[in-house]
Structure formats: structure tokens, C-alpha cells
Amino acid sequence: MYHFPSNGNIGVFIRSLLKSNKFDLLDDKSRALLTTADFYDQYSEHSNDAEIVIFDRYIYSSFVSNHKLDKEWINLLHKYAPKPDIIFFMTCDVNTIVKRIKIDFGAKNTTRQEDFYIRYKNTFKDIQKVEIDASQDLGTIHEKILKEINSKLNI
């Protein structure tokens, strides 16, 4: 299971930039390269023998976060990323998200949340995904995710 930014050297560096509000001050390509490096650093370390790999974010976040960059360039950065079997797109009202206690520091900004939601919606419009209303209780969300995974694995 992978979390972004990771707890590796690159992820810790990205997290420190985010906490100090310096990440968005970087050049767009620098941000894209850093997040891609964090992805590959984390993924290549453990995934060669894994049958199931779970990411809390995936390469689609690069398109959302770096929407001003050429999509083909971003595709090249992720040329060696494995194709996902299932994509879960969690949707939720922005006000509900910012009220949650344990969300990221960047997620507290409602304007940013709304902007990113629109970008994700546009990024995923032509991609097969399972859309889940994340305002539901955790048990319901968990059941829906397990049902989809079990269906995909024919369990």
C-alpha cells in the first residue's frame, strides 16, 4: 500500500515543502518531476513481487496537479507505471471534507478542493472508474470497495 507523498526521502521533502507553502512556488515541471520521482522511488522498492498494489493516489494526480503542463509530457513521465485494474474515485461535498479532523493541511482550503475536484472530474471523464460517495459512513464505503475488489478478483 502506497501513500503520497510517501515517507521516503523524496516524499518527506515534498511534505516539508507543502507544510511550508513552498511546493506551489516551484516551477510546474519541477513539481511534476518531484512527485513522479516519489512515485517511482516508492513503487520500485517493493512492487516487483506484489500481487496486489494499492495507491491512495495514482498517476492521474499528476494530470490534476500539473494541469498546465503538456499531457504527453506527463504521460512520458509515467510510461512505466502499471495500468490499474480498478480506480476508485471518491466524491464528497467540499464542506464535509474540510470539517474532517485528519485531512491533509492542503485539503483544508475549500477553493483548492473545489478546483481540484473539477480537475479530477475532467481527468476521469473518459476513464473507467468506480465512483463512491465518500460522505457515507466508513463501513458503507468499505463494503462498496470490498464488493468491487471481490468482483474484480472473482471471489
Protein backbone atom coordinates (compact mmCIF):
# COMPACT_ATOMS: atom_id res chain seq x y z
CA MET A 1 0.00 0.00 0.00
CA TYR A 2 1.39 3.38 -1.01
CA HIS A 3 0.66 6.85 0.27
CA PHE A 4 1.62 10.12 -1.39
CA PRO A 5 3.64 11.99 -0.54
CA SER A 6 5.50 8.97 0.78
CA ASN A 7 7.58 8.56 3.93
CA GLY A 8 10.69 8.11 1.78
CA ASN A 9 13.32 10.81 1.29
CA ILE A 10 11.59 12.42 -1.68
CA GLY A 11 8.14 12.24 -0.09
CA VAL A 12 9.39 13.75 3.17
CA PHE A 13 10.95 16.58 1.17
CA ILE A 14 7.69 17.17 -0.72
CA ARG A 15 5.73 17.10 2.55
CA SER A 16 8.06 19.72 4.08
CA LEU A 17 7.54 21.94 1.03
CA LEU A 18 3.77 21.51 1.29
CA LYS A 19 3.70 22.31 5.01
CA SER A 20 5.77 25.46 4.49
CA ASN A 21 3.59 26.52 1.50
CA LYS A 22 6.64 26.37 -0.78
CA PHE A 23 5.63 23.47 -3.02
CA ASP A 24 3.35 25.62 -5.20
CA LEU A 25 6.19 28.13 -5.61
CA LEU A 26 8.23 25.58 -7.56
CA ASP A 27 8.23 25.53 -11.35
CA ASP A 28 5.42 23.31 -12.71
CA LYS A 29 7.84 20.80 -14.24
CA SER A 30 9.88 20.63 -11.04
CA ARG A 31 6.75 19.72 -9.06
CA ALA A 32 5.81 17.09 -11.62
CA LEU A 33 9.29 15.59 -11.58
CA LEU A 34 9.41 15.50 -7.78
CA THR A 35 6.07 13.76 -7.43
CA THR A 36 6.95 11.31 -10.20
CA ALA A 37 10.27 10.57 -8.51
CA ASP A 38 8.40 9.91 -5.25
CA PHE A 39 6.06 7.53 -7.08
CA TYR A 40 8.85 5.50 -8.69
CA ASP A 41 11.07 5.57 -5.60
CA GLN A 42 8.29 4.07 -3.54
CA TYR A 43 6.83 1.75 -6.17
CA SER A 44 10.08 0.23 -7.43
CA GLU A 45 11.22 -0.58 -3.89
CA HIS A 46 8.54 -3.17 -3.14
CA SER A 47 6.22 -3.94 -6.03
CA ASN A 48 8.15 -6.45 -8.10
CA ASP A 49 6.72 -9.44 -6.24
CA ALA A 50 3.39 -8.00 -5.07
CA GLU A 51 0.17 -9.43 -6.44
CA ILE A 52 -1.97 -6.58 -5.16
CA VAL A 53 -0.78 -2.98 -5.01
CA ILE A 54 -2.90 -0.18 -3.57
CA PHE A 55 -2.20 3.52 -4.10
CA ASP A 56 -4.08 6.27 -2.26
CA ARG A 57 -3.33 8.46 -5.28
CA TYR A 58 -2.03 7.48 -8.66
CA ILE A 59 -0.60 8.94 -11.85
CA TYR A 60 -3.89 10.73 -12.52
CA SER A 61 -2.96 13.10 -9.71
CA SER A 62 -0.09 14.28 -11.92
CA PHE A 63 -2.57 15.39 -14.57
CA VAL A 64 -4.69 17.15 -11.97
CA SER A 65 -1.84 18.82 -10.10
CA ASN A 66 0.04 19.73 -13.27
CA HIS A 67 -2.89 20.66 -15.48
CA LYS A 68 -0.93 23.49 -17.14
CA LEU A 69 1.68 21.08 -18.50
CA ASP A 70 1.53 19.16 -21.74
CA LYS A 71 -0.37 15.88 -21.17
CA GLU A 72 2.00 13.96 -23.44
CA TRP A 73 4.96 15.05 -21.31
CA ILE A 74 3.19 13.83 -18.17
CA ASN A 75 2.34 10.56 -19.97
CA LEU A 76 6.05 10.10 -20.72
CA LEU A 77 6.89 10.56 -17.03
CA HIS A 78 4.55 7.72 -16.19
CA LYS A 79 5.40 5.47 -19.12
CA TYR A 80 6.45 2.60 -16.84
CA ALA A 81 3.63 2.87 -14.32
CA PRO A 82 1.44 -0.24 -14.30
CA LYS A 83 -2.09 0.05 -15.63
CA PRO A 84 -4.57 -0.05 -12.73
CA ASP A 85 -7.17 -2.80 -12.56
CA ILE A 86 -9.60 -0.71 -10.51
CA ILE A 87 -9.82 3.02 -9.94
CA PHE A 88 -11.93 4.33 -7.08
CA PHE A 89 -12.98 7.95 -7.42
CA MET A 90 -14.14 9.22 -4.06
CA THR A 91 -16.56 12.15 -4.27
CA CYS A 92 -17.69 14.32 -1.41
CA ASP A 93 -19.06 17.78 -0.70
CA VAL A 94 -16.16 20.18 -0.09
CA ASN A 95 -17.59 21.46 3.20
CA THR A 96 -17.77 17.90 4.54
CA ILE A 97 -14.14 17.31 3.55
CA VAL A 98 -12.75 20.37 5.31
CA LYS A 99 -14.61 19.51 8.51
CA ARG A 100 -12.81 16.18 8.79
CA ILE A 101 -10.23 16.12 11.54
CA LYS A 102 -7.45 14.09 9.94
CA ILE A 103 -7.23 15.57 6.45
CA ASP A 104 -4.06 16.97 4.90
CA PHE A 105 -3.09 20.56 5.53
CA GLY A 106 -3.65 21.46 1.83
CA ALA A 107 -7.12 19.91 1.87
CA LYS A 108 -8.38 22.49 4.37
CA ASN A 109 -8.53 25.10 1.59
CA THR A 110 -12.09 24.96 0.15
CA THR A 111 -11.22 26.89 -3.01
CA ARG A 112 -8.38 24.47 -3.73
CA GLN A 113 -10.65 21.49 -3.01
CA GLU A 114 -13.31 22.74 -5.42
CA ASP A 115 -10.72 23.45 -8.12
CA PHE A 116 -9.11 20.02 -7.75
CA TYR A 117 -12.50 18.27 -7.74
CA ILE A 118 -13.33 19.82 -11.12
CA ARG A 119 -9.91 18.84 -12.47
CA TYR A 120 -10.31 15.25 -11.23
CA LYS A 121 -13.81 15.07 -12.71
CA ASN A 122 -12.40 16.21 -16.07
CA THR A 123 -9.42 13.85 -15.85
CA PHE A 124 -11.63 10.85 -15.08
CA LYS A 125 -14.44 11.64 -17.53
CA ASP A 126 -13.18 9.13 -20.13
CA ILE A 127 -11.56 6.66 -17.71
CA GLN A 128 -13.35 3.61 -16.34
CA LYS A 129 -13.72 4.02 -12.59
CA VAL A 130 -15.87 3.20 -9.60
CA GLU A 131 -17.32 6.37 -8.18
CA ILE A 132 -18.08 6.28 -4.47
CA ASP A 133 -19.82 8.90 -2.34
CA ALA A 134 -17.25 9.45 0.40
CA SER A 135 -19.69 11.35 2.60
CA GLN A 136 -21.14 7.99 3.65
CA ASP A 137 -20.01 6.26 6.84
CA LEU A 138 -16.73 4.33 6.67
CA GLY A 139 -18.46 0.94 6.99
CA THR A 140 -20.62 1.58 3.91
CA ILE A 141 -17.64 2.85 1.89
CA HIS A 142 -15.59 -0.17 2.98
CA GLU A 143 -18.36 -2.57 1.91
CA LYS A 144 -18.65 -0.96 -1.53
CA ILE A 145 -14.90 -1.08 -2.11
CA LEU A 146 -14.67 -4.73 -0.98
CA LYS A 147 -17.59 -5.65 -3.24
CA GLU A 148 -15.80 -4.12 -6.25
CA ILE A 149 -12.48 -5.75 -5.41
CA ASN A 150 -14.10 -9.15 -4.82
CA SER A 151 -15.92 -8.84 -8.13
CA LYS A 152 -12.69 -7.97 -9.95
CA LEU A 153 -10.85 -10.89 -8.32
CA ASN A 154 -13.83 -13.24 -8.89
CA ILE A 155 -14.12 -14.01 -5.17
